[in-house]
């Protein structure tokens, strides 16, 4: 299922608020906007050395414990 931009923003903000609370979610957004954040670089730094099977297993466990329905 593909979401439009407004739906993605709503769902993303809801996730941030759920996990961080409203104040920290706003703080996170302000940091992202203020910093020159390169998502591709961050992704490479965090995932390039992860074993693909380990990554897949972690994703399956996460999916089982965090269903979005």
N, C-alpha and C. Protein backbone atom coordinates (compact mmCIF):
# COMPACT_ATOMS: atom_id res chain seq x y z
N UNK A 1 0.84 -1.19 0.00
CA UNK A 1 0.00 0.00 0.00
C UNK A 1 0.88 1.24 0.00
N UNK A 2 0.57 2.17 -0.87
CA UNK A 2 1.30 3.44 -0.92
C UNK A 2 0.46 4.52 -0.26
N UNK A 3 1.12 5.37 0.49
CA UNK A 3 0.45 6.47 1.17
C UNK A 3 0.81 7.78 0.49
N UNK A 4 -0.13 8.73 0.53
CA UNK A 4 0.21 10.04 0.00
C UNK A 4 1.03 10.80 1.04
N UNK A 5 1.54 11.95 0.67
CA UNK A 5 2.44 12.70 1.53
C UNK A 5 1.81 13.04 2.87
N UNK A 6 0.56 13.48 2.86
CA UNK A 6 -0.11 13.85 4.11
C UNK A 6 -0.26 12.63 5.03
N UNK A 7 -0.59 11.48 4.46
CA UNK A 7 -0.72 10.26 5.26
C UNK A 7 0.61 9.84 5.86
N UNK A 8 1.68 9.95 5.07
CA UNK A 8 3.01 9.59 5.58
C UNK A 8 3.40 10.53 6.72
N UNK A 9 3.14 11.81 6.55
CA UNK A 9 3.46 12.78 7.60
C UNK A 9 2.66 12.48 8.87
N UNK A 10 1.38 12.20 8.72
CA UNK A 10 0.53 11.89 9.88
C UNK A 10 1.01 10.63 10.59
N UNK A 11 1.30 9.59 9.82
CA UNK A 11 1.73 8.33 10.42
C UNK A 11 3.11 8.48 11.06
N UNK A 12 4.00 9.19 10.39
CA UNK A 12 5.33 9.41 10.95
C UNK A 12 5.28 10.19 12.25
N UNK A 13 4.51 11.25 12.26
CA UNK A 13 4.39 12.05 13.48
C UNK A 13 3.76 11.24 14.60
N UNK A 14 2.76 10.44 14.26
CA UNK A 14 2.12 9.59 15.28
C UNK A 14 3.14 8.62 15.88
N UNK A 15 4.00 8.05 15.05
CA UNK A 15 5.04 7.13 15.54
C UNK A 15 6.01 7.87 16.46
N UNK A 16 6.44 9.05 16.03
CA UNK A 16 7.36 9.83 16.86
C UNK A 16 6.74 10.17 18.21
N UNK A 17 5.50 10.63 18.19
CA UNK A 17 4.83 11.01 19.44
C UNK A 17 4.64 9.79 20.33
N UNK A 18 4.27 8.67 19.74
CA UNK A 18 4.07 7.44 20.53
C UNK A 18 5.36 7.02 21.22
N UNK A 19 6.47 7.08 20.51
CA UNK A 19 7.74 6.60 21.05
C UNK A 19 8.48 7.64 21.89
N UNK A 20 8.37 8.91 21.52
CA UNK A 20 9.16 9.95 22.18
C UNK A 20 8.34 10.88 23.07
N UNK A 21 7.05 10.96 22.84
CA UNK A 21 6.25 11.99 23.48
C UNK A 21 6.27 13.23 22.60
N UNK A 22 5.31 14.11 22.80
CA UNK A 22 5.15 15.26 21.91
C UNK A 22 6.35 16.21 21.96
N UNK A 23 6.89 16.46 23.14
CA UNK A 23 7.99 17.42 23.26
C UNK A 23 9.24 16.89 22.57
N UNK A 24 9.60 15.64 22.83
CA UNK A 24 10.79 15.08 22.20
C UNK A 24 10.60 14.86 20.70
N UNK A 25 9.37 14.57 20.28
CA UNK A 25 9.09 14.44 18.84
C UNK A 25 9.34 15.77 18.14
N UNK A 26 8.86 16.85 18.74
CA UNK A 26 9.09 18.18 18.17
C UNK A 26 10.59 18.52 18.18
N UNK A 27 11.27 18.13 19.24
CA UNK A 27 12.71 18.37 19.33
C UNK A 27 13.43 17.61 18.21
N UNK A 28 13.06 16.34 17.99
CA UNK A 28 13.65 15.54 16.93
C UNK A 28 13.47 16.22 15.58
N UNK A 29 12.28 16.68 15.29
CA UNK A 29 12.01 17.34 14.01
C UNK A 29 12.84 18.61 13.87
N UNK A 30 12.94 19.38 14.94
CA UNK A 30 13.73 20.61 14.86
C UNK A 30 15.21 20.30 14.61
N UNK A 31 15.72 19.23 15.19
CA UNK A 31 17.12 18.85 14.96
C UNK A 31 17.31 18.42 13.51
N UNK A 32 16.40 17.63 12.99
CA UNK A 32 16.49 17.18 11.60
C UNK A 32 16.47 18.37 10.64
N UNK A 33 15.61 19.34 10.91
CA UNK A 33 15.52 20.51 10.04
C UNK A 33 16.75 21.40 10.15
N UNK A 34 17.31 21.49 11.34
CA UNK A 34 18.43 22.38 11.59
C UNK A 34 19.75 21.80 11.08
N UNK A 35 19.94 20.52 11.23
CA UNK A 35 21.19 19.86 10.84
C UNK A 35 21.16 19.54 9.35
N UNK A 36 22.35 19.43 8.77
CA UNK A 36 22.40 18.97 7.39
C UNK A 36 22.46 17.44 7.45
N UNK A 37 21.30 16.85 7.56
CA UNK A 37 21.16 15.41 7.77
C UNK A 37 21.14 14.71 6.42
N UNK A 38 22.05 13.77 6.25
CA UNK A 38 22.13 12.98 5.03
C UNK A 38 21.66 11.56 5.35
N UNK A 39 20.41 11.27 5.03
CA UNK A 39 19.84 9.97 5.36
C UNK A 39 20.62 8.82 4.73
N UNK A 40 21.06 8.99 3.49
CA UNK A 40 21.81 7.93 2.80
C UNK A 40 23.11 7.64 3.54
N UNK A 41 23.83 8.67 3.95
CA UNK A 41 25.07 8.48 4.71
C UNK A 41 24.78 7.79 6.04
N UNK A 42 23.75 8.23 6.74
CA UNK A 42 23.38 7.63 8.02
C UNK A 42 23.05 6.15 7.83
N UNK A 43 22.28 5.86 6.80
CA UNK A 43 21.88 4.49 6.51
C UNK A 43 23.11 3.62 6.25
N UNK A 44 24.04 4.11 5.46
CA UNK A 44 25.27 3.37 5.16
C UNK A 44 26.07 3.10 6.43
N UNK A 45 26.20 4.11 7.28
CA UNK A 45 26.96 3.96 8.52
C UNK A 45 26.34 2.92 9.45
N UNK A 46 25.02 2.80 9.40
CA UNK A 46 24.33 1.89 10.32
C UNK A 46 24.07 0.50 9.75
N UNK A 47 23.97 0.36 8.45
CA UNK A 47 23.53 -0.92 7.90
C UNK A 47 24.54 -1.62 6.99
N UNK A 48 25.58 -0.96 6.55
CA UNK A 48 26.53 -1.59 5.62
C UNK A 48 27.21 -2.82 6.21
N UNK A 49 27.46 -2.83 7.50
CA UNK A 49 28.18 -3.94 8.12
C UNK A 49 27.26 -4.96 8.80
N UNK A 50 25.97 -4.83 8.57
CA UNK A 50 25.01 -5.77 9.16
C UNK A 50 24.85 -6.96 8.21
N UNK A 51 24.93 -8.15 8.80
CA UNK A 51 24.73 -9.36 8.03
C UNK A 51 23.29 -9.37 7.47
N UNK A 52 23.11 -9.63 6.17
CA UNK A 52 21.76 -9.60 5.58
C UNK A 52 20.77 -10.55 6.26
N UNK A 53 21.21 -11.73 6.66
CA UNK A 53 20.31 -12.67 7.33
C UNK A 53 19.90 -12.15 8.71
N UNK A 54 20.85 -11.53 9.40
CA UNK A 54 20.56 -10.95 10.71
C UNK A 54 19.57 -9.79 10.57
N UNK A 55 19.79 -8.97 9.55
CA UNK A 55 18.89 -7.84 9.30
C UNK A 55 17.47 -8.35 9.01
N UNK A 56 17.38 -9.37 8.16
CA UNK A 56 16.08 -9.92 7.79
C UNK A 56 15.37 -10.51 9.01
N UNK A 57 16.10 -11.26 9.84
CA UNK A 57 15.51 -11.84 11.04
C UNK A 57 15.01 -10.75 11.99
N UNK A 58 15.81 -9.70 12.15
CA UNK A 58 15.40 -8.58 13.01
C UNK A 58 14.14 -7.92 12.45
N UNK A 59 14.08 -7.77 11.14
CA UNK A 59 12.90 -7.18 10.51
C UNK A 59 11.66 -8.04 10.73
N UNK A 60 11.81 -9.36 10.61
CA UNK A 60 10.67 -10.26 10.86
C UNK A 60 10.19 -10.17 12.30
N UNK A 61 11.12 -10.16 13.24
CA UNK A 61 10.75 -10.05 14.66
C UNK A 61 10.04 -8.73 14.91
N UNK A 62 10.59 -7.66 14.35
CA UNK A 62 9.96 -6.35 14.52
C UNK A 62 8.55 -6.34 13.95
N UNK A 63 8.39 -6.91 12.77
CA UNK A 63 7.08 -6.95 12.12
C UNK A 63 6.08 -7.73 12.96
N UNK A 64 6.52 -8.83 13.54
CA UNK A 64 5.64 -9.65 14.38
C UNK A 64 5.21 -8.93 15.65
N UNK A 65 6.08 -8.07 16.17
CA UNK A 65 5.79 -7.42 17.44
C UNK A 65 5.26 -5.99 17.30
N UNK A 66 5.29 -5.46 16.09
CA UNK A 66 4.81 -4.09 15.85
C UNK A 66 3.91 -4.04 14.61
N UNK A 67 2.82 -4.79 14.64
CA UNK A 67 1.96 -4.78 13.44
C UNK A 67 1.28 -3.43 13.26
N UNK A 68 1.25 -2.97 12.03
CA UNK A 68 0.51 -1.75 11.68
C UNK A 68 -0.71 -2.20 10.90
N UNK A 69 -1.81 -2.10 11.53
CA UNK A 69 -3.04 -2.56 10.92
C UNK A 69 -4.11 -1.51 11.04
